[in-house]
Protein backbone atom coordinates (compact mmCIF):
# COMPACT_ATOMS: atom_id res chain seq x y z
CA MET A 1 -5.52 -7.35 -26.32
CA ASP A 2 -2.54 -7.96 -28.54
CA PRO A 3 -4.03 -8.61 -32.03
CA GLU A 4 -1.05 -10.77 -33.04
CA LEU A 5 -1.50 -13.03 -30.00
CA VAL A 6 -5.25 -13.24 -30.63
CA GLU A 7 -4.60 -14.37 -34.21
CA LYS A 8 -2.00 -16.97 -33.15
CA ILE A 9 -4.45 -18.51 -30.69
CA ALA A 10 -7.31 -18.27 -33.23
CA GLU A 11 -5.25 -20.33 -35.69
CA HIS A 12 -5.10 -23.13 -33.13
CA TYR A 13 -8.86 -22.96 -32.62
CA ARG A 14 -9.35 -23.20 -36.41
CA ALA A 15 -7.18 -26.32 -36.43
CA ILE A 16 -9.15 -27.88 -33.56
CA ILE A 17 -12.44 -27.16 -35.33
CA LYS A 18 -11.10 -28.94 -38.43
CA LEU A 19 -9.77 -31.87 -36.37
CA ILE A 20 -13.18 -32.60 -34.89
CA GLY A 21 -14.69 -32.71 -38.39
CA GLU A 22 -16.31 -29.29 -38.64
CA ASP A 23 -15.75 -26.61 -41.26
CA PRO A 24 -14.25 -23.43 -39.74
CA GLU A 25 -15.34 -21.54 -42.86
CA ARG A 26 -19.01 -22.35 -42.27
CA GLU A 27 -21.06 -19.17 -41.75
CA GLY A 28 -21.65 -19.68 -38.02
CA LEU A 29 -18.02 -20.59 -37.34
CA VAL A 30 -16.07 -18.06 -39.42
CA LYS A 31 -15.51 -15.67 -36.50
CA THR A 32 -15.57 -18.32 -33.77
CA PRO A 33 -11.78 -18.89 -33.59
CA THR A 34 -11.14 -15.18 -32.99
CA ARG A 35 -13.97 -14.91 -30.46
CA ALA A 36 -12.71 -18.03 -28.66
CA ALA A 37 -9.15 -16.67 -28.60
CA LYS A 38 -10.31 -13.39 -27.07
CA ALA A 39 -12.43 -15.26 -24.52
CA LEU A 40 -9.48 -17.45 -23.54
CA LEU A 41 -7.25 -14.42 -23.02
CA GLU A 42 -9.94 -12.69 -20.97
CA ASN A 43 -10.56 -15.79 -18.87
CA THR A 44 -6.84 -16.21 -18.15
CA ARG A 45 -5.98 -12.56 -17.54
CA GLY A 46 -4.86 -13.43 -14.02
CA TYR A 47 -1.50 -14.54 -15.41
CA ALA A 48 -0.75 -10.90 -16.23
CA GLU A 49 -1.72 -9.62 -12.77
CA ASN A 50 0.07 -9.50 -9.44
CA PRO A 51 -2.42 -10.19 -6.62
CA ALA A 52 -0.02 -8.90 -3.94
CA GLN A 53 0.28 -5.54 -5.73
CA ILE A 54 -3.50 -5.36 -6.07
CA LEU A 55 -3.85 -5.87 -2.32
CA GLN A 56 -1.03 -3.50 -1.37
CA ALA A 57 -2.61 -0.68 -3.40
CA ALA A 58 -5.35 -0.17 -0.79
CA MET A 59 -4.13 -1.00 2.71
CA PHE A 60 -5.04 1.32 5.56
CA ASP A 61 -4.14 1.63 9.23
CA HIS A 62 -6.86 0.40 11.57
CA GLN A 63 -6.64 -0.51 15.23
CA GLY A 64 -9.83 -2.61 15.41
CA SER A 65 -9.50 -6.28 16.17
CA GLU A 66 -12.88 -7.72 15.22
CA ILE A 67 -13.49 -10.01 12.28
CA VAL A 68 -14.03 -8.50 8.83
CA ILE A 69 -16.03 -10.66 6.44
CA VAL A 70 -16.71 -10.22 2.75
CA LYS A 71 -18.94 -13.02 1.59
CA ASP A 72 -20.30 -14.34 -1.68
CA ILE A 73 -17.60 -12.91 -3.95
CA GLU A 74 -18.50 -14.52 -7.27
CA PHE A 75 -15.77 -15.98 -9.44
CA TYR A 76 -15.32 -17.83 -12.72
CA SER A 77 -12.37 -20.04 -13.53
CA LEU A 78 -11.18 -22.76 -15.90
CA CYS A 79 -10.38 -26.20 -14.52
CA GLU A 80 -6.80 -27.00 -15.41
CA HIS A 81 -7.65 -30.67 -15.93
CA HIS A 82 -10.31 -30.23 -18.64
CA LEU A 83 -10.25 -26.49 -19.47
CA LEU A 84 -13.94 -26.38 -18.61
CA PRO A 85 -15.47 -23.67 -16.42
CA PHE A 86 -16.03 -23.88 -12.72
CA PHE A 87 -17.69 -21.05 -10.86
CA GLY A 88 -19.09 -20.09 -7.51
CA ASN A 89 -18.51 -17.86 -4.52
CA VAL A 90 -15.66 -17.13 -2.15
CA SER A 91 -16.14 -15.77 1.36
CA ILE A 92 -13.19 -14.24 3.20
CA GLY A 93 -12.76 -13.42 6.86
CA TYR A 94 -9.79 -11.85 8.60
CA ILE A 95 -8.97 -10.21 11.88
CA PRO A 96 -7.17 -6.88 11.33
CA ASP A 97 -3.70 -6.65 12.80
CA GLY A 98 -3.17 -2.91 12.49
CA GLN A 99 -4.29 -2.77 8.86
CA ILE A 100 -7.39 -3.31 6.77
CA VAL A 101 -7.72 -3.56 3.02
CA GLY A 102 -10.15 -1.80 0.70
CA LEU A 103 -13.01 -4.25 0.33
CA SER A 104 -13.04 -4.18 -3.47
CA LYS A 105 -9.44 -5.41 -3.46
CA LEU A 106 -10.62 -8.71 -1.97
CA GLY A 107 -12.85 -9.19 -5.01
CA ARG A 108 -9.99 -8.24 -7.29
CA ILE A 109 -7.57 -10.77 -5.80
CA VAL A 110 -10.23 -13.49 -6.08
CA ASP A 111 -10.52 -12.58 -9.78
CA SER A 112 -6.76 -12.48 -10.23
CA PHE A 113 -6.27 -15.99 -8.86
CA SER A 114 -9.40 -17.45 -10.48
CA ARG A 115 -8.62 -16.07 -13.94
CA GLN A 116 -5.91 -18.68 -14.43
CA PHE A 117 -6.09 -22.40 -15.10
CA GLN A 118 -6.96 -23.59 -11.60
CA VAL A 119 -8.15 -26.23 -9.22
CA GLN A 120 -10.51 -25.12 -6.50
CA GLU A 121 -8.30 -26.39 -3.68
CA ARG A 122 -5.33 -24.28 -4.84
CA LEU A 123 -7.52 -21.25 -5.53
CA THR A 124 -8.75 -21.31 -1.93
CA ALA A 125 -5.24 -21.78 -0.53
CA GLU A 126 -3.67 -19.04 -2.69
CA ILE A 127 -6.22 -16.47 -1.54
CA CYS A 128 -5.74 -17.47 2.11
CA ASP A 129 -1.93 -17.50 1.88
CA LEU A 130 -1.74 -14.07 0.25
CA LEU A 131 -4.01 -12.48 2.85
CA CYS A 132 -2.07 -14.19 5.61
CA GLN A 133 1.25 -12.84 4.28
CA GLU A 134 0.14 -9.32 3.42
CA LEU A 135 -2.59 -8.47 5.88
CA SER A 136 -3.03 -10.66 8.93
CA GLY A 137 -2.09 -14.09 10.17
CA ASP A 138 -5.73 -14.67 11.13
CA VAL A 139 -7.52 -15.52 7.88
CA ILE A 140 -10.26 -17.89 6.74
CA VAL A 141 -11.43 -18.51 3.17
CA ILE A 142 -14.29 -20.72 2.03
CA CYS A 143 -15.01 -21.45 -1.60
CA GLU A 144 -18.15 -23.11 -2.95
CA ALA A 145 -18.26 -23.99 -6.63
CA GLN A 146 -19.92 -25.95 -9.38
CA HIS A 147 -17.69 -27.67 -11.92
CA MET A 148 -18.77 -28.15 -15.53
CA CYS A 149 -16.32 -31.06 -15.79
CA MET A 150 -18.60 -32.89 -13.34
CA LYS A 151 -21.86 -31.67 -14.88
CA MET A 152 -21.37 -32.04 -18.63
CA ARG A 153 -18.86 -34.88 -18.96
CA GLY A 154 -17.69 -37.89 -17.00
CA VAL A 155 -20.01 -38.60 -14.08
CA GLU A 156 -22.57 -35.93 -15.14
CA LYS A 157 -23.70 -35.11 -11.60
CA GLN A 158 -25.83 -31.99 -12.01
CA GLY A 159 -26.38 -31.22 -8.33
CA ALA A 160 -22.79 -31.63 -7.13
CA THR A 161 -21.20 -28.68 -5.35
CA THR A 162 -17.64 -28.63 -4.04
CA VAL A 163 -16.68 -26.73 -0.88
CA THR A 164 -13.09 -26.00 0.10
CA MET A 165 -11.80 -24.10 3.11
CA GLN A 166 -8.43 -22.83 4.29
CA TYR A 167 -7.69 -21.06 7.54
CA ARG A 168 -4.71 -19.81 9.50
CA GLY A 169 -3.91 -18.27 12.88
CA ALA A 170 -6.81 -17.66 15.25
CA PHE A 171 -9.22 -19.48 12.92
CA GLN A 172 -7.03 -22.56 13.13
CA ASP A 173 -6.62 -22.35 16.91
CA ASN A 174 -10.19 -21.42 17.83
CA PRO A 175 -13.04 -23.65 16.57
CA ASP A 176 -15.60 -21.19 17.99
CA LEU A 177 -14.22 -18.40 15.80
CA ARG A 178 -14.42 -20.71 12.77
CA ALA A 179 -18.01 -21.57 13.68
CA GLU A 180 -18.87 -17.86 14.02
CA PHE A 181 -17.47 -17.18 10.54
CA LEU A 182 -19.41 -20.08 9.03
CA ALA A 183 -22.62 -18.98 10.76
CA LEU A 184 -22.22 -15.41 9.46
CA CYS A 185 -21.60 -16.72 5.94
CA LYS A 186 -24.92 -18.55 5.77
């Protein structure tokens, strides 16, 4: 991490701490601005990554045509509306069209998109669109998440979970294939 950037962000955190009526020089808060700055940079590292390049780094020829599913890929993100965390799991299915991708790359692209200020709907669509463009036109992505902006502020609904889904190609045209994916993801 760039120490100069960390310090610039930390200065803003110090100012926020003062604005809410707390003393940033208090023992427990002295290092908080720097820690918060580093955490923010870590949690938004997706801005410095290229998900397409991540995916392209591990693509392999494969003539199979059956569905490939990687489920329960955990992710953590920051809601762009409140800058509060939301987190959950993404499950991805695709039908190879001459190529497969190294499975760990699917987890890496989920991280790359989620480590930005996000909304769950866009996160799901971005993952699906990238896989559709780079790998296969037959892709399905489901995302299930809990949002701290719903749990700790506003409506304060502790049990609420949000599910979003995007699909293209055969998954769009064939409800049985969609149902098979959903059954295998349970």
